[in-house]
PDB file of N, CA and C in Angstrom:
ATOM      1  N   MET A   1       4.646  47.542 -32.823  1.00  0.00           N
ATOM      2  CA  MET A   1       4.065  47.883 -31.557  1.00  0.00           C
ATOM      3  C   MET A   1       3.856  49.384 -31.500  1.00  0.00           C
ATOM      4  N   ASP A   2       2.685  49.816 -31.082  1.00  0.00           N
ATOM      5  CA  ASP A   2       2.383  51.238 -30.957  1.00  0.00           C
ATOM      6  C   ASP A   2       2.705  51.717 -29.553  1.00  0.00           C
ATOM      7  N   HIS A   3       3.135  52.969 -29.464  1.00  0.00           N
ATOM      8  CA  HIS A   3       3.436  53.593 -28.182  1.00  0.00           C
ATOM      9  C   HIS A   3       2.482  54.763 -27.988  1.00  0.00           C
ATOM     10  N   ALA A   4       1.838  54.837 -26.851  1.00  0.00           N
ATOM     11  CA  ALA A   4       0.991  55.978 -26.523  1.00  0.00           C
ATOM     12  C   ALA A   4       1.615  56.691 -25.337  1.00  0.00           C
ATOM     13  N   VAL A   5       1.986  57.938 -25.534  1.00  0.00           N
ATOM     14  CA  VAL A   5       2.574  58.736 -24.463  1.00  0.00           C
ATOM     15  C   VAL A   5       1.622  59.896 -24.195  1.00  0.00           C
ATOM     16  N   PRO A   6       0.989  59.894 -23.026  1.00  0.00           N
ATOM     17  CA  PRO A   6       0.067  61.012 -22.732  1.00  0.00           C
ATOM     18  C   PRO A   6       0.832  62.316 -22.585  1.00  0.00           C
ATOM     19  N   THR A   7       0.252  63.378 -23.072  1.00  0.00           N
ATOM     20  CA  THR A   7       0.880  64.693 -22.970  1.00  0.00           C
ATOM     21  C   THR A   7      -0.082  65.650 -22.279  1.00  0.00           C
ATOM     22  N   ALA A   8       0.455  66.711 -21.742  1.00  0.00           N
ATOM     23  CA  ALA A   8      -0.373  67.735 -21.113  1.00  0.00           C
ATOM     24  C   ALA A   8      -1.171  68.471 -22.186  1.00  0.00           C
ATOM     25  N   ALA A   9      -2.297  69.010 -21.787  1.00  0.00           N
ATOM     26  CA  ALA A   9      -3.138  69.757 -22.715  1.00  0.00           C
ATOM     27  C   ALA A   9      -2.382  70.968 -23.250  1.00  0.00           C
ATOM     28  N   PRO A  10      -2.589  71.330 -24.516  1.00  0.00           N
ATOM     29  CA  PRO A  10      -1.928  72.510 -25.071  1.00  0.00           C
ATOM     30  C   PRO A  10      -2.229  73.748 -24.217  1.00  0.00           C
ATOM     31  N   GLY A  11      -1.247  74.596 -24.098  1.00  0.00           N
ATOM     32  CA  GLY A  11      -1.415  75.816 -23.332  1.00  0.00           C
ATOM     33  C   GLY A  11      -1.156  75.656 -21.844  1.00  0.00           C
ATOM     34  N   TRP A  12      -0.810  74.470 -21.399  1.00  0.00           N
ATOM     35  CA  TRP A  12      -0.534  74.214 -19.981  1.00  0.00           C
ATOM     36  C   TRP A  12       0.786  74.852 -19.631  1.00  0.00           C
ATOM     37  N   ARG A  13       0.794  75.739 -18.680  1.00  0.00           N
ATOM     38  CA  ARG A  13       2.006  76.463 -18.309  1.00  0.00           C
ATOM     39  C   ARG A  13       2.234  76.346 -16.808  1.00  0.00           C
ATOM     40  N   ARG A  14       3.435  75.984 -16.437  1.00  0.00           N
ATOM     41  CA  ARG A  14       3.803  75.909 -15.027  1.00  0.00           C
ATOM     42  C   ARG A  14       5.287  76.230 -14.885  1.00  0.00           C
ATOM     43  N   VAL A  15       5.659  76.717 -13.732  1.00  0.00           N
ATOM     44  CA  VAL A  15       7.055  76.958 -13.394  1.00  0.00           C
ATOM     45  C   VAL A  15       7.374  76.087 -12.185  1.00  0.00           C
ATOM     46  N   PHE A  16       8.432  75.333 -12.280  1.00  0.00           N
ATOM     47  CA  PHE A  16       8.848  74.471 -11.190  1.00  0.00           C
ATOM     48  C   PHE A  16      10.253  74.874 -10.764  1.00  0.00           C
ATOM     49  N   HIS A  17      10.449  75.054  -9.493  1.00  0.00           N
ATOM     50  CA  HIS A  17      11.771  75.397  -8.948  1.00  0.00           C
ATOM     51  C   HIS A  17      12.341  74.137  -8.321  1.00  0.00           C
ATOM     52  N   VAL A  18      13.496  73.723  -8.811  1.00  0.00           N
ATOM     53  CA  VAL A  18      14.126  72.519  -8.283  1.00  0.00           C
ATOM     54  C   VAL A  18      15.568  72.844  -7.890  1.00  0.00           C
ATOM     55  N   PRO A  19      16.116  72.087  -6.958  1.00  0.00           N
ATOM     56  CA  PRO A  19      17.500  72.338  -6.559  1.00  0.00           C
ATOM     57  C   PRO A  19      18.460  71.987  -7.693  1.00  0.00           C
ATOM     58  N   PRO A  20      19.665  72.562  -7.662  1.00  0.00           N
ATOM     59  CA  PRO A  20      20.646  72.229  -8.706  1.00  0.00           C
ATOM     60  C   PRO A  20      21.068  70.772  -8.589  1.00  0.00           C
ATOM     61  N   SER A  21      20.592  69.982  -9.502  1.00  0.00           N
ATOM     62  CA  SER A  21      20.845  68.546  -9.469  1.00  0.00           C
ATOM     63  C   SER A  21      20.960  68.044 -10.900  1.00  0.00           C
ATOM     64  N   LYS A  22      22.029  67.315 -11.181  1.00  0.00           N
ATOM     65  CA  LYS A  22      22.199  66.756 -12.531  1.00  0.00           C
ATOM     66  C   LYS A  22      21.041  65.822 -12.863  1.00  0.00           C
ATOM     67  N   SER A  23      20.663  64.985 -11.930  1.00  0.00           N
ATOM     68  CA  SER A  23      19.598  64.016 -12.155  1.00  0.00           C
ATOM     69  C   SER A  23      18.270  64.712 -12.461  1.00  0.00           C
ATOM     70  N   LEU A  24      17.917  65.720 -11.672  1.00  0.00           N
ATOM     71  CA  LEU A  24      16.658  66.430 -11.908  1.00  0.00           C
ATOM     72  C   LEU A  24      16.710  67.217 -13.212  1.00  0.00           C
ATOM     73  N   HIS A  25      17.856  67.792 -13.539  1.00  0.00           N
ATOM     74  CA  HIS A  25      17.998  68.527 -14.799  1.00  0.00           C
ATOM     75  C   HIS A  25      17.792  67.581 -15.986  1.00  0.00           C
ATOM     76  N   GLN A  26      18.345  66.377 -15.904  1.00  0.00           N
ATOM     77  CA  GLN A  26      18.186  65.407 -16.982  1.00  0.00           C
ATOM     78  C   GLN A  26      16.729  64.956 -17.098  1.00  0.00           C
ATOM     79  N   ARG A  27      16.050  64.817 -15.987  1.00  0.00           N
ATOM     80  CA  ARG A  27      14.623  64.478 -16.028  1.00  0.00           C
ATOM     81  C   ARG A  27      13.825  65.590 -16.710  1.00  0.00           C
ATOM     82  N   ALA A  28      14.177  66.841 -16.427  1.00  0.00           N
ATOM     83  CA  ALA A  28      13.509  67.966 -17.079  1.00  0.00           C
ATOM     84  C   ALA A  28      13.751  67.938 -18.587  1.00  0.00           C
ATOM     85  N   LEU A  29      14.958  67.583 -19.006  1.00  0.00           N
ATOM     86  CA  LEU A  29      15.261  67.469 -20.439  1.00  0.00           C
ATOM     87  C   LEU A  29      14.390  66.416 -21.107  1.00  0.00           C
ATOM     88  N   VAL A  30      14.199  65.290 -20.430  1.00  0.00           N
ATOM     89  CA  VAL A  30      13.373  64.206 -20.979  1.00  0.00           C
ATOM     90  C   VAL A  30      11.917  64.657 -21.090  1.00  0.00           C
ATOM     91  N   LEU A  31      11.399  65.285 -20.050  1.00  0.00           N
ATOM     92  CA  LEU A  31      10.017  65.764 -20.102  1.00  0.00           C
ATOM     93  C   LEU A  31       9.842  66.797 -21.205  1.00  0.00           C
ATOM     94  N   ALA A  32      10.834  67.658 -21.385  1.00  0.00           N
ATOM     95  CA  ALA A  32      10.770  68.643 -22.457  1.00  0.00           C
ATOM     96  C   ALA A  32      10.757  67.966 -23.830  1.00  0.00           C
ATOM     97  N   ALA A  33      11.529  66.893 -23.970  1.00  0.00           N
ATOM     98  CA  ALA A  33      11.572  66.169 -25.246  1.00  0.00           C
ATOM     99  C   ALA A  33      10.212  65.575 -25.595  1.00  0.00           C
ATOM    100  N   LEU A  34       9.436  65.201 -24.581  1.00  0.00           N
ATOM    101  CA  LEU A  34       8.137  64.574 -24.817  1.00  0.00           C
ATOM    102  C   LEU A  34       6.994  65.576 -24.930  1.00  0.00           C
ATOM    103  N   SER A  35       7.303  66.853 -24.847  1.00  0.00           N
ATOM    104  CA  SER A  35       6.282  67.883 -24.920  1.00  0.00           C
ATOM    105  C   SER A  35       5.931  68.182 -26.372  1.00  0.00           C
ATOM    106  N   ALA A  36       4.651  68.341 -26.626  1.00  0.00           N
ATOM    107  CA  ALA A  36       4.202  68.687 -27.976  1.00  0.00           C
ATOM    108  C   ALA A  36       4.448  70.160 -28.283  1.00  0.00           C
ATOM    109  N   GLU A  37       4.731  70.951 -27.256  1.00  0.00           N
ATOM    110  CA  GLU A  37       5.000  72.373 -27.426  1.00  0.00           C
ATOM    111  C   GLU A  37       6.423  72.674 -26.978  1.00  0.00           C
ATOM    112  N   PRO A  38       7.006  73.776 -27.452  1.00  0.00           N
ATOM    113  CA  PRO A  38       8.365  74.141 -27.021  1.00  0.00           C
ATOM    114  C   PRO A  38       8.423  74.351 -25.499  1.00  0.00           C
ATOM    115  N   VAL A  39       9.532  73.926 -24.911  1.00  0.00           N
ATOM    116  CA  VAL A  39       9.744  74.058 -23.474  1.00  0.00           C
ATOM    117  C   VAL A  39      11.058  74.778 -23.253  1.00  0.00           C
ATOM    118  N   ALA A  40      11.060  75.728 -22.341  1.00  0.00           N
ATOM    119  CA  ALA A  40      12.285  76.433 -21.980  1.00  0.00           C
ATOM    120  C   ALA A  40      12.702  75.983 -20.592  1.00  0.00           C
ATOM    121  N   ILE A  41      13.935  75.524 -20.470  1.00  0.00           N
ATOM    122  CA  ILE A  41      14.485  75.144 -19.176  1.00  0.00           C
ATOM    123  C   ILE A  41      15.511  76.199 -18.815  1.00  0.00           C
ATOM    124  N   THR A  42      15.260  76.895 -17.733  1.00  0.00           N
ATOM    125  CA  THR A  42      16.165  77.953 -17.316  1.00  0.00           C
ATOM    126  C   THR A  42      16.601  77.699 -15.879  1.00  0.00           C
ATOM    127  N   ALA A  43      17.740  78.241 -15.537  1.00  0.00           N
ATOM    128  CA  ALA A  43      18.261  78.125 -14.175  1.00  0.00           C
ATOM    129  C   ALA A  43      19.114  79.340 -13.887  1.00  0.00           C
ATOM    130  N   ALA A  44      19.192  79.683 -12.616  1.00  0.00           N
ATOM    131  CA  ALA A  44      20.104  80.748 -12.225  1.00  0.00           C
ATOM    132  C   ALA A  44      21.518  80.302 -12.565  1.00  0.00           C
ATOM    133  N   SER A  45      22.364  81.225 -12.950  1.00  0.00           N
ATOM    134  CA  SER A  45      23.713  80.857 -13.397  1.00  0.00           C
ATOM    135  C   SER A  45      24.482  80.079 -12.337  1.00  0.00           C
ATOM    136  N   ASP A  46      24.215  80.345 -11.059  1.00  0.00           N
ATOM    137  CA  ASP A  46      24.926  79.617 -10.007  1.00  0.00           C
ATOM    138  C   ASP A  46      24.258  78.298  -9.654  1.00  0.00           C
ATOM    139  N   ALA A  47      23.111  78.021 -10.274  1.00  0.00           N
ATOM    140  CA  ALA A  47      22.380  76.794  -9.954  1.00  0.00           C
ATOM    141  C   ALA A  47      22.466  75.751 -11.056  1.00  0.00           C
ATOM    142  N   LEU A  48      23.163  76.046 -12.134  1.00  0.00           N
ATOM    143  CA  LEU A  48      23.269  75.078 -13.221  1.00  0.00           C
ATOM    144  C   LEU A  48      24.058  73.861 -12.765  1.00  0.00           C
ATOM    145  N   PRO A  49      23.521  72.683 -12.978  1.00  0.00           N
ATOM    146  CA  PRO A  49      24.269  71.489 -12.584  1.00  0.00           C
ATOM    147  C   PRO A  49      25.474  71.287 -13.484  1.00  0.00           C
ATOM    148  N   ALA A  50      26.622  71.112 -12.867  1.00  0.00           N
ATOM    149  CA  ALA A  50      27.842  70.887 -13.637  1.00  0.00           C
ATOM    150  C   ALA A  50      27.902  69.431 -14.050  1.00  0.00           C
ATOM    151  N   GLY A  51      28.615  69.171 -15.098  1.00  0.00           N
ATOM    152  CA  GLY A  51      28.829  67.780 -15.466  1.00  0.00           C
ATOM    153  C   GLY A  51      28.671  67.509 -16.934  1.00  0.00           C
ATOM    154  N   ASP A  52      29.584  66.720 -17.425  1.00  0.00           N
ATOM    155  CA  ASP A  52      29.568  66.314 -18.823  1.00  0.00           C
ATOM    156  C   ASP A  52      28.342  65.460 -19.126  1.00  0.00           C
ATOM    157  N   ASP A  53      27.881  64.676 -18.131  1.00  0.00           N
ATOM    158  CA  ASP A  53      26.755  63.789 -18.384  1.00  0.00           C
ATOM    159  C   ASP A  53      25.471  64.563 -18.670  1.00  0.00           C
ATOM    160  N   THR A  54      25.258  65.700 -18.037  1.00  0.00           N
ATOM    161  CA  THR A  54      24.072  66.513 -18.317  1.00  0.00           C
ATOM    162  C   THR A  54      24.155  67.094 -19.726  1.00  0.00           C
ATOM    163  N   GLN A  55      25.339  67.543 -20.121  1.00  0.00           N
ATOM    164  CA  GLN A  55      25.516  68.080 -21.470  1.00  0.00           C
ATOM    165  C   GLN A  55      25.312  66.995 -22.520  1.00  0.00           C
ATOM    166  N   ARG A  56      25.785  65.789 -22.246  1.00  0.00           N
ATOM    167  CA  ARG A  56      25.590  64.686 -23.195  1.00  0.00           C
ATOM    168  C   ARG A  56      24.121  64.296 -23.292  1.00  0.00           C
ATOM    169  N   CYS A  57      23.409  64.358 -22.162  1.00  0.00           N
ATOM    170  CA  CYS A  57      21.977  64.073 -22.167  1.00  0.00           C
ATOM    171  C   CYS A  57      21.246  65.091 -23.042  1.00  0.00           C
ATOM    172  N   ALA A  58      21.593  66.367 -22.873  1.00  0.00           N
ATOM    173  CA  ALA A  58      20.980  67.427 -23.676  1.00  0.00           C
ATOM    174  C   ALA A  58      21.269  67.223 -25.159  1.00  0.00           C
ATOM    175  N   ALA A  59      22.496  66.831 -25.484  1.00  0.00           N
ATOM    176  CA  ALA A  59      22.867  66.587 -26.886  1.00  0.00           C
ATOM    177  C   ALA A  59      22.073  65.407 -27.454  1.00  0.00           C
ATOM    178  N   ALA A  60      21.878  64.371 -26.663  1.00  0.00           N
ATOM    179  CA  ALA A  60      21.118  63.205 -27.115  1.00  0.00           C
ATOM    180  C   ALA A  60      19.664  63.585 -27.377  1.00  0.00           C
ATOM    181  N   VAL A  61      19.081  64.374 -26.480  1.00  0.00           N
ATOM    182  CA  VAL A  61      17.693  64.807 -26.656  1.00  0.00           C
ATOM    183  C   VAL A  61      17.564  65.639 -27.927  1.00  0.00           C
ATOM    184  N   ARG A  62      18.529  66.540 -28.164  1.00  0.00           N
ATOM    185  CA  ARG A  62      18.499  67.350 -29.403  1.00  0.00           C
ATOM    186  C   ARG A  62      18.618  66.458 -30.636  1.00  0.00           C
ATOM    187  N   ALA A  63      19.503  65.455 -30.578  1.00  0.00           N
ATOM    188  CA  ALA A  63      19.724  64.574 -31.731  1.00  0.00           C
ATOM    189  C   ALA A  63      18.477  63.745 -32.055  1.00  0.00           C
ATOM    190  N   LEU A  64      17.729  63.361 -31.030  1.00  0.00           N
ATOM    191  CA  LEU A  64      16.524  62.564 -31.258  1.00  0.00           C
ATOM    192  C   LEU A  64      15.450  63.362 -31.983  1.00  0.00           C
ATOM    193  N   GLY A  65      15.392  64.646 -31.737  1.00  0.00           N
ATOM    194  CA  GLY A  65      14.423  65.491 -32.422  1.00  0.00           C
ATOM    195  C   GLY A  65      13.189  65.747 -31.584  1.00  0.00           C
ATOM    196  N   PRO A  66      12.348  66.664 -32.051  1.00  0.00           N
ATOM    197  CA  PRO A  66      11.155  67.043 -31.291  1.00  0.00           C
ATOM    198  C   PRO A  66      10.049  65.994 -31.380  1.00  0.00           C
ATOM    199  N   TRP A  67       9.189  66.014 -30.392  1.00  0.00           N
ATOM    200  CA  TRP A  67       8.030  65.112 -30.357  1.00  0.00           C
ATOM    201  C   TRP A  67       6.980  65.621 -31.325  1.00  0.00           C
ATOM    202  N   ARG A  68       6.616  64.796 -32.308  1.00  0.00           N
ATOM    203  CA  ARG A  68       5.532  65.142 -33.223  1.00  0.00           C
ATOM    204  C   ARG A  68       4.977  63.875 -33.839  1.00  0.00           C
ATOM    205  N   ASP A  69       3.700  63.899 -34.049  1.00  0.00           N
ATOM    206  CA  ASP A  69       3.001  62.776 -34.673  1.00  0.00           C
ATOM    207  C   ASP A  69       3.301  61.441 -33.989  1.00  0.00           C
ATOM    208  N   GLY A  70       3.414  61.461 -32.672  1.00  0.00           N
ATOM    209  CA  GLY A  70       3.588  60.222 -31.921  1.00  0.00           C
ATOM    210  C   GLY A  70       4.972  59.618 -31.937  1.00  0.00           C
ATOM    211  N   ALA A  71       5.984  60.405 -32.307  1.00  0.00           N
ATOM    212  CA  ALA A  71       7.361  59.885 -32.324  1.00  0.00           C
ATOM    213  C   ALA A  71       8.344  61.017 -32.043  1.00  0.00           C
ATOM    214  N   LEU A  72       9.543  60.638 -31.640  1.00  0.00           N
ATOM    215  CA  LEU A  72      10.612  61.622 -31.460  1.00  0.00           C
ATOM    216  C   LEU A  72      11.338  61.782 -32.783  1.00  0.00           C
ATOM    217  N   GLY A  73      11.235  62.963 -33.354  1.00  0.00           N
ATOM    218  CA  GLY A  73      11.864  63.225 -34.639  1.00  0.00           C
ATOM    219  C   GLY A  73      11.076  62.604 -35.777  1.00  0.00           C
ATOM    220  N   ASP A  74      11.499  62.894 -36.987  1.00  0.00           N
ATOM    221  CA  ASP A  74      10.823  62.313 -38.144  1.00  0.00           C
ATOM    222  C   ASP A  74      11.784  61.555 -39.050  1.00  0.00           C
ATOM    223  N   SER A  75      13.038  61.468 -38.637  1.00  0.00           N
ATOM    224  CA  SER A  75      14.046  60.780 -39.439  1.00  0.00           C
ATOM    225  C   SER A  75      14.157  59.314 -39.028  1.00  0.00           C
ATOM    226  N   ARG A  76      14.307  58.458 -40.027  1.00  0.00           N
ATOM    227  CA  ARG A  76      14.551  57.035 -39.762  1.00  0.00           C
ATOM    228  C   ARG A  76      16.031  56.691 -39.941  1.00  0.00           C
ATOM    229  N   ALA A  77      16.849  57.721 -40.157  1.00  0.00           N
ATOM    230  CA  ALA A  77      18.289  57.502 -40.349  1.00  0.00           C
ATOM    231  C   ALA A  77      18.900  56.928 -39.076  1.00  0.00           C
ATOM    232  N   SER A  78      19.928  56.105 -39.244  1.00  0.00           N
ATOM    233  CA  SER A  78      20.636  55.546 -38.089  1.00  0.00           C
ATOM    234  C   SER A  78      21.225  56.671 -37.256  1.00  0.00           C
ATOM    235  N   LEU A  79      21.201  56.485 -35.953  1.00  0.00           N
ATOM    236  CA  LEU A  79      21.642  57.514 -35.020  1.00  0.00           C
ATOM    237  C   LEU A  79      22.457  56.866 -33.914  1.00  0.00           C
ATOM    238  N   THR A  80      23.555  57.501 -33.526  1.00  0.00           N
ATOM    239  CA  THR A  80      24.366  57.037 -32.402  1.00  0.00           C
ATOM    240  C   THR A  80      24.338  58.092 -31.319  1.00  0.00           C
ATOM    241  N   LEU A  81      23.964  57.678 -30.111  1.00  0.00           N
ATOM    242  CA  LEU A  81      23.945  58.566 -28.954  1.00  0.00           C
ATOM    243  C   LEU A  81      25.039  58.107 -28.004  1.00  0.00           C
ATOM    244  N   ASP A  82      25.998  58.980 -27.727  1.00  0.00           N
ATOM    245  CA  ASP A  82      27.105  58.629 -26.837  1.00  0.00           C
ATOM    246  C   ASP A  82      26.911  59.360 -25.518  1.00  0.00           C
ATOM    247  N   LEU A  83      26.597  58.614 -24.453  1.00  0.00           N
ATOM    248  CA  LEU A  83      26.299  59.199 -23.153  1.00  0.00           C
ATOM    249  C   LEU A  83      27.472  59.156 -22.198  1.00  0.00           C
ATOM    250  N   GLY A  84      28.627  58.730 -22.644  1.00  0.00           N
ATOM    251  CA  GLY A  84      29.796  58.714 -21.775  1.00  0.00           C
ATOM    252  C   GLY A  84      29.553  57.865 -20.535  1.00  0.00           C
ATOM    253  N   GLU A  85      29.893  58.425 -19.369  1.00  0.00           N
ATOM    254  CA  GLU A  85      29.757  57.676 -18.116  1.00  0.00           C
ATOM    255  C   GLU A  85      28.484  58.033 -17.353  1.00  0.00           C
ATOM    256  N   GLY A  86      27.563  58.740 -17.985  1.00  0.00           N
ATOM    257  CA  GLY A  86      26.336  59.151 -17.308  1.00  0.00           C
ATOM    258  C   GLY A  86      25.278  58.050 -17.318  1.00  0.00           C
ATOM    259  N   ALA A  87      25.145  57.355 -16.193  1.00  0.00           N
ATOM    260  CA  ALA A  87      24.183  56.242 -16.108  1.00  0.00           C
ATOM    261  C   ALA A  87      22.743  56.729 -16.193  1.00  0.00           C
ATOM    262  N   THR A  88      22.425  57.845 -15.553  1.00  0.00           N
ATOM    263  CA  THR A  88      21.056  58.369 -15.610  1.00  0.00           C
ATOM    264  C   THR A  88      20.711  58.750 -17.041  1.00  0.00           C
ATOM    265  N   ALA A  89      21.598  59.479 -17.686  1.00  0.00           N
ATOM    266  CA  ALA A  89      21.365  59.891 -19.068  1.00  0.00           C
ATOM    267  C   ALA A  89      21.263  58.672 -19.986  1.00  0.00           C
ATOM    268  N   PHE A  90      22.064  57.648 -19.721  1.00  0.00           N
ATOM    269  CA  PHE A  90      22.019  56.436 -20.541  1.00  0.00           C
ATOM    270  C   PHE A  90      20.636  55.791 -20.461  1.00  0.00           C
ATOM    271  N   ARG A  91      20.117  55.654 -19.264  1.00  0.00           N
ATOM    272  CA  ARG A  91      18.790  55.021 -19.097  1.00  0.00           C
ATOM    273  C   ARG A  91      17.716  55.834 -19.812  1.00  0.00           C
ATOM    274  N   PHE A  92      17.763  57.151 -19.665  1.00  0.00           N
ATOM    275  CA  PHE A  92      16.763  57.988 -20.329  1.00  0.00           C
ATOM    276  C   PHE A  92      16.885  57.907 -21.847  1.00  0.00           C
ATOM    277  N   ALA A  93      18.103  57.963 -22.365  1.00  0.00           N
ATOM    278  CA  ALA A  93      18.307  57.914 -23.814  1.00  0.00           C
ATOM    279  C   ALA A  93      17.845  56.582 -24.380  1.00  0.00           C
ATOM    280  N   LEU A  94      18.087  55.510 -23.653  1.00  0.00           N
ATOM    281  CA  LEU A  94      17.644  54.186 -24.104  1.00  0.00           C
ATOM    282  C   LEU A  94      16.124  54.145 -24.223  1.00  0.00           C
ATOM    283  N   ALA A  95      15.437  54.693 -23.218  1.00  0.00           N
ATOM    284  CA  ALA A  95      13.973  54.721 -23.255  1.00  0.00           C
ATOM    285  C   ALA A  95      13.472  55.628 -24.380  1.00  0.00           C
ATOM    286  N   LEU A  96      14.069  56.811 -24.520  1.00  0.00           N
ATOM    287  CA  LEU A  96      13.634  57.742 -25.561  1.00  0.00           C
ATOM    288  C   LEU A  96      13.885  57.188 -26.964  1.00  0.00           C
ATOM    289  N   ALA A  97      14.956  56.422 -27.127  1.00  0.00           N
ATOM    290  CA  ALA A  97      15.274  55.852 -28.442  1.00  0.00           C
ATOM    291  C   ALA A  97      14.157  54.937 -28.936  1.00  0.00           C
ATOM    292  N   THR A  98      13.425  54.329 -28.023  1.00  0.00           N
ATOM    293  CA  THR A  98      12.324  53.441 -28.432  1.00  0.00           C
ATOM    294  C   THR A  98      11.151  54.225 -29.003  1.00  0.00           C
ATOM    295  N   LEU A  99      11.157  55.540 -28.828  1.00  0.00           N
ATOM    296  CA  LEU A  99      10.060  56.372 -29.305  1.00  0.00           C
ATOM    297  C   LEU A  99      10.347  57.017 -30.661  1.00  0.00           C
ATOM    298  N   ARG A 100      11.438  56.604 -31.300  1.00  0.00           N
ATOM    299  CA  ARG A 100      11.728  57.099 -32.648  1.00  0.00           C
ATOM    300  C   ARG A 100      10.746  56.478 -33.633  1.00  0.00           C
ATOM    301  N   PRO A 101      10.644  57.019 -34.839  1.00  0.00           N
ATOM    302  CA  PRO A 101       9.719  56.464 -35.834  1.00  0.00           C
ATOM    303  C   PRO A 101      10.016  54.984 -36.119  1.00  0.00           C
ATOM    304  N   PRO A 102       9.005  54.224 -36.484  1.00  0.00           N
ATOM    305  CA  PRO A 102       9.207  52.801 -36.804  1.00  0.00           C
ATOM    306  C   PRO A 102      10.298  52.627 -37.852  1.00  0.00           C
ATOM    307  N   GLY A 103      11.200  51.680 -37.614  1.00  0.00           N
ATOM    308  CA  GLY A 103      12.274  51.388 -38.546  1.00  0.00           C
ATOM    309  C   GLY A 103      13.551  52.163 -38.272  1.00  0.00           C
ATOM    310  N   ALA A 104      13.487  53.164 -37.394  1.00  0.00           N
ATOM    311  CA  ALA A 104      14.694  53.954 -37.076  1.00  0.00           C
ATOM    312  C   ALA A 104      15.621  53.106 -36.207  1.00  0.00           C
ATOM    313  N   ARG A 105      16.907  53.145 -36.509  1.00  0.00           N
ATOM    314  CA  ARG A 105      17.899  52.386 -35.733  1.00  0.00           C
ATOM    315  C   ARG A 105      18.702  53.351 -34.881  1.00  0.00           C
ATOM    316  N   THR A 106      18.863  53.009 -33.604  1.00  0.00           N
ATOM    317  CA  THR A 106      19.583  53.874 -32.687  1.00  0.00           C
ATOM    318  C   THR A 106      20.562  53.041 -31.871  1.00  0.00           C
ATOM    319  N   LEU A 107      21.830  53.464 -31.860  1.00  0.00           N
ATOM    320  CA  LEU A 107      22.844  52.856 -31.025  1.00  0.00           C
ATOM    321  C   LEU A 107      23.060  53.800 -29.851  1.00  0.00           C
ATOM    322  N   VAL A 108      22.851  53.291 -28.633  1.00  0.00           N
ATOM    323  CA  VAL A 108      23.070  54.085 -27.427  1.00  0.00           C
ATOM    324  C   VAL A 108      24.319  53.547 -26.755  1.00  0.00           C
ATOM    325  N   ARG A 109      25.335  54.409 -26.641  1.00  0.00           N
ATOM    326  CA  ARG A 109      26.606  53.979 -26.028  1.00  0.00           C
ATOM    327  C   ARG A 109      26.818  54.712 -24.703  1.00  0.00           C
ATOM    328  N   GLY A 110      27.460  54.019 -23.790  1.00  0.00           N
ATOM    329  CA  GLY A 110      27.777  54.646 -22.508  1.00  0.00           C
ATOM    330  C   GLY A 110      28.709  53.776 -21.707  1.00  0.00           C
TER     331      GLY A 110
END
């Protein structure tokens, strides 16, 4: 089965200000993972959402790899993503895992 994920046109630049929220921060991580270009997520030091689940979400996104050639990452090696007790991060990681290259196996735990 092929997956088509529309992306913004190259060179598209925007700044979005959002309240300190673990859920919104995790959504930003997912959108960054699907970007064909590098994305920087910054926050004021007092606005960073606290929580192990946000850090685990970020680690899962890094482990999946960058978006290129229609897939997340280029490795087909087995991968385990441990999301702990973060339900939002678990749902996002499960969806992102389906975008790995064909034949890649991913275990999502939470």
